Amino acid sequence: MKSLADLNALKQRALDELKLRESKDSVRIVVGMGTCGIAAGAREVVGAFLDELAKRKISDVAVTQTGCIGLCVKEP
């Protein structure tokens, strides 16, 4: 961070993420991006979700990433 504007932008992004978590009206897609998920194609899955949402002009869906979800044995 180099300025007060950067700090305020970071604050706003954090507040927006909190609103998403609390919102009952929006959809959130969470993709496991641990090492096992990435090896199984999680990056491509995130990209496919984002591309399809953009193609269909769907804006009330958030695609987020998380670490390992603990199902490594179930990965392809």
PDB file of N, CA and C in Angstrom:
ATOM      1  N   MET A   1       0.833  -1.170   0.000  1.00  0.00           N
ATOM      2  CA  MET A   1       0.000   0.000   0.000  1.00  0.00           C
ATOM      3  C   MET A   1       0.881   1.237   0.000  1.00  0.00           C
ATOM      4  N   LYS A   2       0.512   2.149  -0.843  1.00  0.00           N
ATOM      5  CA  LYS A   2       1.340   3.338  -0.959  1.00  0.00           C
ATOM      6  C   LYS A   2       0.584   4.613  -0.647  1.00  0.00           C
ATOM      7  N   SER A   3      -0.735   4.511  -0.505  1.00  0.00           N
ATOM      8  CA  SER A   3      -1.493   5.734  -0.261  1.00  0.00           C
ATOM      9  C   SER A   3      -2.767   5.423   0.517  1.00  0.00           C
ATOM     10  N   LEU A   4      -3.396   6.471   0.974  1.00  0.00           N
ATOM     11  CA  LEU A   4      -4.670   6.332   1.666  1.00  0.00           C
ATOM     12  C   LEU A   4      -5.731   5.780   0.714  1.00  0.00           C
ATOM     13  N   ALA A   5      -5.648   6.142  -0.545  1.00  0.00           N
ATOM     14  CA  ALA A   5      -6.598   5.625  -1.539  1.00  0.00           C
ATOM     15  C   ALA A   5      -6.471   4.109  -1.679  1.00  0.00           C
ATOM     16  N   ASP A   6      -5.230   3.594  -1.651  1.00  0.00           N
ATOM     17  CA  ASP A   6      -5.019   2.145  -1.702  1.00  0.00           C
ATOM     18  C   ASP A   6      -5.655   1.466  -0.498  1.00  0.00           C
ATOM     19  N   LEU A   7      -5.465   2.058   0.675  1.00  0.00           N
ATOM     20  CA  LEU A   7      -6.040   1.504   1.898  1.00  0.00           C
ATOM     21  C   LEU A   7      -7.564   1.507   1.828  1.00  0.00           C
ATOM     22  N   ASN A   8      -8.138   2.591   1.345  1.00  0.00           N
ATOM     23  CA  ASN A   8      -9.593   2.666   1.220  1.00  0.00           C
ATOM     24  C   ASN A   8     -10.125   1.659   0.205  1.00  0.00           C
ATOM     25  N   ALA A   9      -9.399   1.441  -0.875  1.00  0.00           N
ATOM     26  CA  ALA A   9      -9.813   0.452  -1.871  1.00  0.00           C
ATOM     27  C   ALA A   9      -9.779  -0.949  -1.275  1.00  0.00           C
ATOM     28  N   LEU A  10      -8.740  -1.247  -0.502  1.00  0.00           N
ATOM     29  CA  LEU A  10      -8.640  -2.538   0.169  1.00  0.00           C
ATOM     30  C   LEU A  10      -9.788  -2.722   1.150  1.00  0.00           C
ATOM     31  N   LYS A  11     -10.092  -1.684   1.889  1.00  0.00           N
ATOM     32  CA  LYS A  11     -11.205  -1.726   2.841  1.00  0.00           C
ATOM     33  C   LYS A  11     -12.517  -2.003   2.119  1.00  0.00           C
ATOM     34  N   GLN A  12     -12.745  -1.335   1.001  1.00  0.00           N
ATOM     35  CA  GLN A  12     -13.994  -1.524   0.262  1.00  0.00           C
ATOM     36  C   GLN A  12     -14.112  -2.940  -0.276  1.00  0.00           C
ATOM     37  N   ARG A  13     -13.004  -3.502  -0.787  1.00  0.00           N
ATOM     38  CA  ARG A  13     -13.037  -4.885  -1.279  1.00  0.00           C
ATOM     39  C   ARG A  13     -13.375  -5.847  -0.152  1.00  0.00           C
ATOM     40  N   ALA A  14     -12.787  -5.626   1.029  1.00  0.00           N
ATOM     41  CA  ALA A  14     -13.070  -6.487   2.176  1.00  0.00           C
ATOM     42  C   ALA A  14     -14.535  -6.374   2.591  1.00  0.00           C
ATOM     43  N   LEU A  15     -15.064  -5.164   2.602  1.00  0.00           N
ATOM     44  CA  LEU A  15     -16.474  -4.975   2.956  1.00  0.00           C
ATOM     45  C   LEU A  15     -17.393  -5.637   1.936  1.00  0.00           C
ATOM     46  N   ASP A  16     -17.039  -5.544   0.660  1.00  0.00           N
ATOM     47  CA  ASP A  16     -17.839  -6.190  -0.384  1.00  0.00           C
ATOM     48  C   ASP A  16     -17.843  -7.703  -0.209  1.00  0.00           C
ATOM     49  N   GLU A  17     -16.687  -8.278   0.149  1.00  0.00           N
ATOM     50  CA  GLU A  17     -16.617  -9.718   0.379  1.00  0.00           C
ATOM     51  C   GLU A  17     -17.464 -10.120   1.581  1.00  0.00           C
ATOM     52  N   LEU A  18     -17.450  -9.308   2.623  1.00  0.00           N
ATOM     53  CA  LEU A  18     -18.278  -9.602   3.790  1.00  0.00           C
ATOM     54  C   LEU A  18     -19.757  -9.554   3.434  1.00  0.00           C
ATOM     55  N   LYS A  19     -20.149  -8.586   2.623  1.00  0.00           N
ATOM     56  CA  LYS A  19     -21.545  -8.497   2.193  1.00  0.00           C
ATOM     57  C   LYS A  19     -21.945  -9.747   1.425  1.00  0.00           C
ATOM     58  N   LEU A  20     -21.042 -10.240   0.582  1.00  0.00           N
ATOM     59  CA  LEU A  20     -21.325 -11.443  -0.191  1.00  0.00           C
ATOM     60  C   LEU A  20     -21.571 -12.620   0.735  1.00  0.00           C
ATOM     61  N   ARG A  21     -20.750 -12.754   1.768  1.00  0.00           N
ATOM     62  CA  ARG A  21     -20.910 -13.864   2.706  1.00  0.00           C
ATOM     63  C   ARG A  21     -22.237 -13.797   3.440  1.00  0.00           C
ATOM     64  N   GLU A  22     -22.683 -12.588   3.733  1.00  0.00           N
ATOM     65  CA  GLU A  22     -23.906 -12.409   4.504  1.00  0.00           C
ATOM     66  C   GLU A  22     -25.152 -12.402   3.629  1.00  0.00           C
ATOM     67  N   SER A  23     -24.996 -12.154   2.349  1.00  0.00           N
ATOM     68  CA  SER A  23     -26.135 -12.010   1.448  1.00  0.00           C
ATOM     69  C   SER A  23     -26.819 -13.350   1.220  1.00  0.00           C
ATOM     70  N   LYS A  24     -28.115 -13.324   1.229  1.00  0.00           N
ATOM     71  CA  LYS A  24     -28.899 -14.529   0.961  1.00  0.00           C
ATOM     72  C   LYS A  24     -29.337 -14.586  -0.503  1.00  0.00           C
ATOM     73  N   ASP A  25     -29.184 -13.482  -1.223  1.00  0.00           N
ATOM     74  CA  ASP A  25     -29.703 -13.387  -2.579  1.00  0.00           C
ATOM     75  C   ASP A  25     -28.705 -13.788  -3.659  1.00  0.00           C
ATOM     76  N   SER A  26     -27.435 -13.788  -3.355  1.00  0.00           N
ATOM     77  CA  SER A  26     -26.459 -14.054  -4.400  1.00  0.00           C
ATOM     78  C   SER A  26     -25.920 -15.476  -4.288  1.00  0.00           C
ATOM     79  N   VAL A  27     -25.297 -15.909  -5.351  1.00  0.00           N
ATOM     80  CA  VAL A  27     -24.741 -17.252  -5.438  1.00  0.00           C
ATOM     81  C   VAL A  27     -23.230 -17.152  -5.360  1.00  0.00           C
ATOM     82  N   ARG A  28     -22.630 -18.060  -4.617  1.00  0.00           N
ATOM     83  CA  ARG A  28     -21.174 -18.100  -4.523  1.00  0.00           C
ATOM     84  C   ARG A  28     -20.719 -19.502  -4.894  1.00  0.00           C
ATOM     85  N   ILE A  29     -19.807 -19.586  -5.838  1.00  0.00           N
ATOM     86  CA  ILE A  29     -19.202 -20.846  -6.252  1.00  0.00           C
ATOM     87  C   ILE A  29     -17.796 -20.859  -5.683  1.00  0.00           C
ATOM     88  N   VAL A  30     -17.487 -21.873  -4.883  1.00  0.00           N
ATOM     89  CA  VAL A  30     -16.176 -21.972  -4.244  1.00  0.00           C
ATOM     90  C   VAL A  30     -15.436 -23.154  -4.860  1.00  0.00           C
ATOM     91  N   VAL A  31     -14.238 -22.893  -5.342  1.00  0.00           N
ATOM     92  CA  VAL A  31     -13.425 -23.925  -5.978  1.00  0.00           C
ATOM     93  C   VAL A  31     -12.193 -24.168  -5.122  1.00  0.00           C
ATOM     94  N   GLY A  32     -11.954 -25.431  -4.772  1.00  0.00           N
ATOM     95  CA  GLY A  32     -10.780 -25.808  -3.988  1.00  0.00           C
ATOM     96  C   GLY A  32      -9.519 -25.691  -4.822  1.00  0.00           C
ATOM     97  N   MET A  33      -8.616 -24.790  -4.387  1.00  0.00           N
ATOM     98  CA  MET A  33      -7.394 -24.534  -5.144  1.00  0.00           C
ATOM     99  C   MET A  33      -6.152 -24.980  -4.379  1.00  0.00           C
ATOM    100  N   GLY A  34      -6.290 -26.047  -3.595  1.00  0.00           N
ATOM    101  CA  GLY A  34      -5.109 -26.635  -2.978  1.00  0.00           C
ATOM    102  C   GLY A  34      -4.283 -27.311  -4.067  1.00  0.00           C
ATOM    103  N   THR A  35      -3.132 -27.828  -3.699  1.00  0.00           N
ATOM    104  CA  THR A  35      -2.259 -28.484  -4.675  1.00  0.00           C
ATOM    105  C   THR A  35      -2.986 -29.600  -5.404  1.00  0.00           C
ATOM    106  N   CYS A  36      -3.763 -30.387  -4.651  1.00  0.00           N
ATOM    107  CA  CYS A  36      -4.483 -31.504  -5.275  1.00  0.00           C
ATOM    108  C   CYS A  36      -5.550 -30.993  -6.240  1.00  0.00           C
ATOM    109  N   GLY A  37      -6.235 -29.926  -5.882  1.00  0.00           N
ATOM    110  CA  GLY A  37      -7.259 -29.362  -6.758  1.00  0.00           C
ATOM    111  C   GLY A  37      -6.665 -28.801  -8.036  1.00  0.00           C
ATOM    112  N   ILE A  38      -5.559 -28.090  -7.894  1.00  0.00           N
ATOM    113  CA  ILE A  38      -4.892 -27.525  -9.069  1.00  0.00           C
ATOM    114  C   ILE A  38      -4.416 -28.647  -9.987  1.00  0.00           C
ATOM    115  N   ALA A  39      -3.863 -29.706  -9.393  1.00  0.00           N
ATOM    116  CA  ALA A  39      -3.402 -30.840 -10.191  1.00  0.00           C
ATOM    117  C   ALA A  39      -4.562 -31.516 -10.914  1.00  0.00           C
ATOM    118  N   ALA A  40      -5.755 -31.448 -10.327  1.00  0.00           N
ATOM    119  CA  ALA A  40      -6.930 -32.083 -10.925  1.00  0.00           C
ATOM    120  C   ALA A  40      -7.667 -31.162 -11.889  1.00  0.00           C
ATOM    121  N   GLY A  41      -7.167 -29.929 -12.087  1.00  0.00           N
ATOM    122  CA  GLY A  41      -7.764 -29.045 -13.077  1.00  0.00           C
ATOM    123  C   GLY A  41      -8.594 -27.904 -12.526  1.00  0.00           C
ATOM    124  N   ALA A  42      -8.385 -27.534 -11.264  1.00  0.00           N
ATOM    125  CA  ALA A  42      -9.189 -26.471 -10.649  1.00  0.00           C
ATOM    126  C   ALA A  42      -9.029 -25.131 -11.362  1.00  0.00           C
ATOM    127  N   ARG A  43      -7.840 -24.829 -11.855  1.00  0.00           N
ATOM    128  CA  ARG A  43      -7.650 -23.553 -12.561  1.00  0.00           C
ATOM    129  C   ARG A  43      -8.544 -23.482 -13.795  1.00  0.00           C
ATOM    130  N   GLU A  44      -8.590 -24.575 -14.518  1.00  0.00           N
ATOM    131  CA  GLU A  44      -9.425 -24.619 -15.709  1.00  0.00           C
ATOM    132  C   GLU A  44     -10.904 -24.501 -15.344  1.00  0.00           C
ATOM    133  N   VAL A  45     -11.293 -25.100 -14.222  1.00  0.00           N
ATOM    134  CA  VAL A  45     -12.684 -25.021 -13.764  1.00  0.00           C
ATOM    135  C   VAL A  45     -13.050 -23.580 -13.437  1.00  0.00           C
ATOM    136  N   VAL A  46     -12.177 -22.877 -12.708  1.00  0.00           N
ATOM    137  CA  VAL A  46     -12.434 -21.470 -12.383  1.00  0.00           C
ATOM    138  C   VAL A  46     -12.574 -20.664 -13.673  1.00  0.00           C
ATOM    139  N   GLY A  47     -11.671 -20.882 -14.600  1.00  0.00           N
ATOM    140  CA  GLY A  47     -11.733 -20.171 -15.873  1.00  0.00           C
ATOM    141  C   GLY A  47     -13.019 -20.463 -16.634  1.00  0.00           C
ATOM    142  N   ALA A  48     -13.442 -21.718 -16.631  1.00  0.00           N
ATOM    143  CA  ALA A  48     -14.677 -22.087 -17.328  1.00  0.00           C
ATOM    144  C   ALA A  48     -15.889 -21.419 -16.693  1.00  0.00           C
ATOM    145  N   PHE A  49     -15.939 -21.399 -15.357  1.00  0.00           N
ATOM    146  CA  PHE A  49     -17.039 -20.714 -14.675  1.00  0.00           C
ATOM    147  C   PHE A  49     -17.065 -19.235 -15.051  1.00  0.00           C
ATOM    148  N   LEU A  50     -15.910 -18.578 -14.966  1.00  0.00           N
ATOM    149  CA  LEU A  50     -15.848 -17.143 -15.262  1.00  0.00           C
ATOM    150  C   LEU A  50     -16.233 -16.852 -16.706  1.00  0.00           C
ATOM    151  N   ASP A  51     -15.744 -17.666 -17.630  1.00  0.00           N
ATOM    152  CA  ASP A  51     -16.071 -17.472 -19.047  1.00  0.00           C
ATOM    153  C   ASP A  51     -17.567 -17.641 -19.299  1.00  0.00           C
ATOM    154  N   GLU A  52     -18.145 -18.687 -18.720  1.00  0.00           N
ATOM    155  CA  GLU A  52     -19.566 -18.955 -18.947  1.00  0.00           C
ATOM    156  C   GLU A  52     -20.448 -17.877 -18.325  1.00  0.00           C
ATOM    157  N   LEU A  53     -20.088 -17.429 -17.129  1.00  0.00           N
ATOM    158  CA  LEU A  53     -20.854 -16.355 -16.485  1.00  0.00           C
ATOM    159  C   LEU A  53     -20.788 -15.075 -17.311  1.00  0.00           C
ATOM    160  N   ALA A  54     -19.607 -14.771 -17.844  1.00  0.00           N
ATOM    161  CA  ALA A  54     -19.458 -13.577 -18.679  1.00  0.00           C
ATOM    162  C   ALA A  54     -20.250 -13.723 -19.975  1.00  0.00           C
ATOM    163  N   LYS A  55     -20.176 -14.903 -20.581  1.00  0.00           N
ATOM    164  CA  LYS A  55     -20.880 -15.146 -21.836  1.00  0.00           C
ATOM    165  C   LYS A  55     -22.392 -14.977 -21.666  1.00  0.00           C
ATOM    166  N   ARG A  56     -22.898 -15.418 -20.526  1.00  0.00           N
ATOM    167  CA  ARG A  56     -24.344 -15.327 -20.268  1.00  0.00           C
ATOM    168  C   ARG A  56     -24.741 -14.025 -19.574  1.00  0.00           C
ATOM    169  N   LYS A  57     -23.735 -13.167 -19.346  1.00  0.00           N
ATOM    170  CA  LYS A  57     -23.962 -11.867 -18.689  1.00  0.00           C
ATOM    171  C   LYS A  57     -24.623 -12.027 -17.320  1.00  0.00           C
ATOM    172  N   ILE A  58     -24.143 -13.011 -16.565  1.00  0.00           N
ATOM    173  CA  ILE A  58     -24.637 -13.251 -15.205  1.00  0.00           C
ATOM    174  C   ILE A  58     -23.691 -12.541 -14.251  1.00  0.00           C
ATOM    175  N   SER A  59     -24.221 -11.617 -13.471  1.00  0.00           N
ATOM    176  CA  SER A  59     -23.352 -10.810 -12.609  1.00  0.00           C
ATOM    177  C   SER A  59     -23.605 -10.998 -11.120  1.00  0.00           C
ATOM    178  N   ASP A  60     -24.626 -11.763 -10.745  1.00  0.00           N
ATOM    179  CA  ASP A  60     -24.914 -11.925  -9.322  1.00  0.00           C
ATOM    180  C   ASP A  60     -24.337 -13.219  -8.757  1.00  0.00           C
ATOM    181  N   VAL A  61     -23.294 -13.725  -9.395  1.00  0.00           N
ATOM    182  CA  VAL A  61     -22.613 -14.936  -8.951  1.00  0.00           C
ATOM    183  C   VAL A  61     -21.152 -14.603  -8.703  1.00  0.00           C
ATOM    184  N   ALA A  62     -20.643 -15.030  -7.559  1.00  0.00           N
ATOM    185  CA  ALA A  62     -19.228 -14.819  -7.240  1.00  0.00           C
ATOM    186  C   ALA A  62     -18.502 -16.154  -7.297  1.00  0.00           C
ATOM    187  N   VAL A  63     -17.403 -16.189  -8.017  1.00  0.00           N
ATOM    188  CA  VAL A  63     -16.548 -17.372  -8.065  1.00  0.00           C
ATOM    189  C   VAL A  63     -15.356 -17.076  -7.175  1.00  0.00           C
ATOM    190  N   THR A  64     -15.216 -17.841  -6.098  1.00  0.00           N
ATOM    191  CA  THR A  64     -14.129 -17.623  -5.158  1.00  0.00           C
ATOM    192  C   THR A  64     -13.281 -18.880  -5.045  1.00  0.00           C
ATOM    193  N   GLN A  65     -12.102 -18.690  -4.494  1.00  0.00           N
ATOM    194  CA  GLN A  65     -11.163 -19.797  -4.339  1.00  0.00           C
ATOM    195  C   GLN A  65     -10.915 -20.051  -2.865  1.00  0.00           C
ATOM    196  N   THR A  66     -10.619 -21.298  -2.548  1.00  0.00           N
ATOM    197  CA  THR A  66     -10.231 -21.662  -1.197  1.00  0.00           C
ATOM    198  C   THR A  66      -9.086 -22.657  -1.305  1.00  0.00           C
ATOM    199  N   GLY A  67      -8.489 -22.967  -0.197  1.00  0.00           N
ATOM    200  CA  GLY A  67      -7.408 -23.946  -0.187  1.00  0.00           C
ATOM    201  C   GLY A  67      -7.959 -25.354  -0.316  1.00  0.00           C
ATOM    202  N   CYS A  68      -7.200 -26.298   0.138  1.00  0.00           N
ATOM    203  CA  CYS A  68      -7.602 -27.702   0.078  1.00  0.00           C
ATOM    204  C   CYS A  68      -8.888 -27.903   0.872  1.00  0.00           C
ATOM    205  N   ILE A  69      -9.824 -28.637   0.307  1.00  0.00           N
ATOM    206  CA  ILE A  69     -11.087 -28.890   0.997  1.00  0.00           C
ATOM    207  C   ILE A  69     -11.105 -30.253   1.678  1.00  0.00           C
ATOM    208  N   GLY A  70      -9.973 -30.941   1.659  1.00  0.00           N
ATOM    209  CA  GLY A  70      -9.836 -32.187   2.399  1.00  0.00           C
ATOM    210  C   GLY A  70     -10.360 -33.425   1.698  1.00  0.00           C
ATOM    211  N   LEU A  71     -10.573 -33.333   0.416  1.00  0.00           N
ATOM    212  CA  LEU A  71     -11.073 -34.486  -0.331  1.00  0.00           C
ATOM    213  C   LEU A  71     -10.063 -34.955  -1.370  1.00  0.00           C
ATOM    214  N   CYS A  72      -8.799 -34.902  -1.023  1.00  0.00           N
ATOM    215  CA  CYS A  72      -7.732 -35.238  -1.970  1.00  0.00           C
ATOM    216  C   CYS A  72      -7.931 -36.626  -2.576  1.00  0.00           C
ATOM    217  N   VAL A  73      -8.392 -37.552  -1.783  1.00  0.00           N
ATOM    218  CA  VAL A  73      -8.572 -38.914  -2.259  1.00  0.00           C
ATOM    219  C   VAL A  73      -9.660 -39.007  -3.330  1.00  0.00           C
ATOM    220  N   LYS A  74     -10.542 -38.030  -3.389  1.00  0.00           N
ATOM    221  CA  LYS A  74     -11.634 -38.031  -4.363  1.00  0.00           C
ATOM    222  C   LYS A  74     -11.268 -37.323  -5.662  1.00  0.00           C
ATOM    223  N   GLU A  75     -10.106 -36.687  -5.704  1.00  0.00           N
ATOM    224  CA  GLU A  75      -9.686 -35.987  -6.920  1.00  0.00           C
ATOM    225  C   GLU A  75      -9.426 -37.003  -8.024  1.00  0.00           C
ATOM    226  N   PRO A  76      -9.686 -36.595  -9.269  1.00  0.00           N
ATOM    227  CA  PRO A  76      -9.407 -37.521 -10.386  1.00  0.00           C
ATOM    228  C   PRO A  76      -7.924 -37.782 -10.541  1.00  0.00           C
TER     229      PRO A  76
END
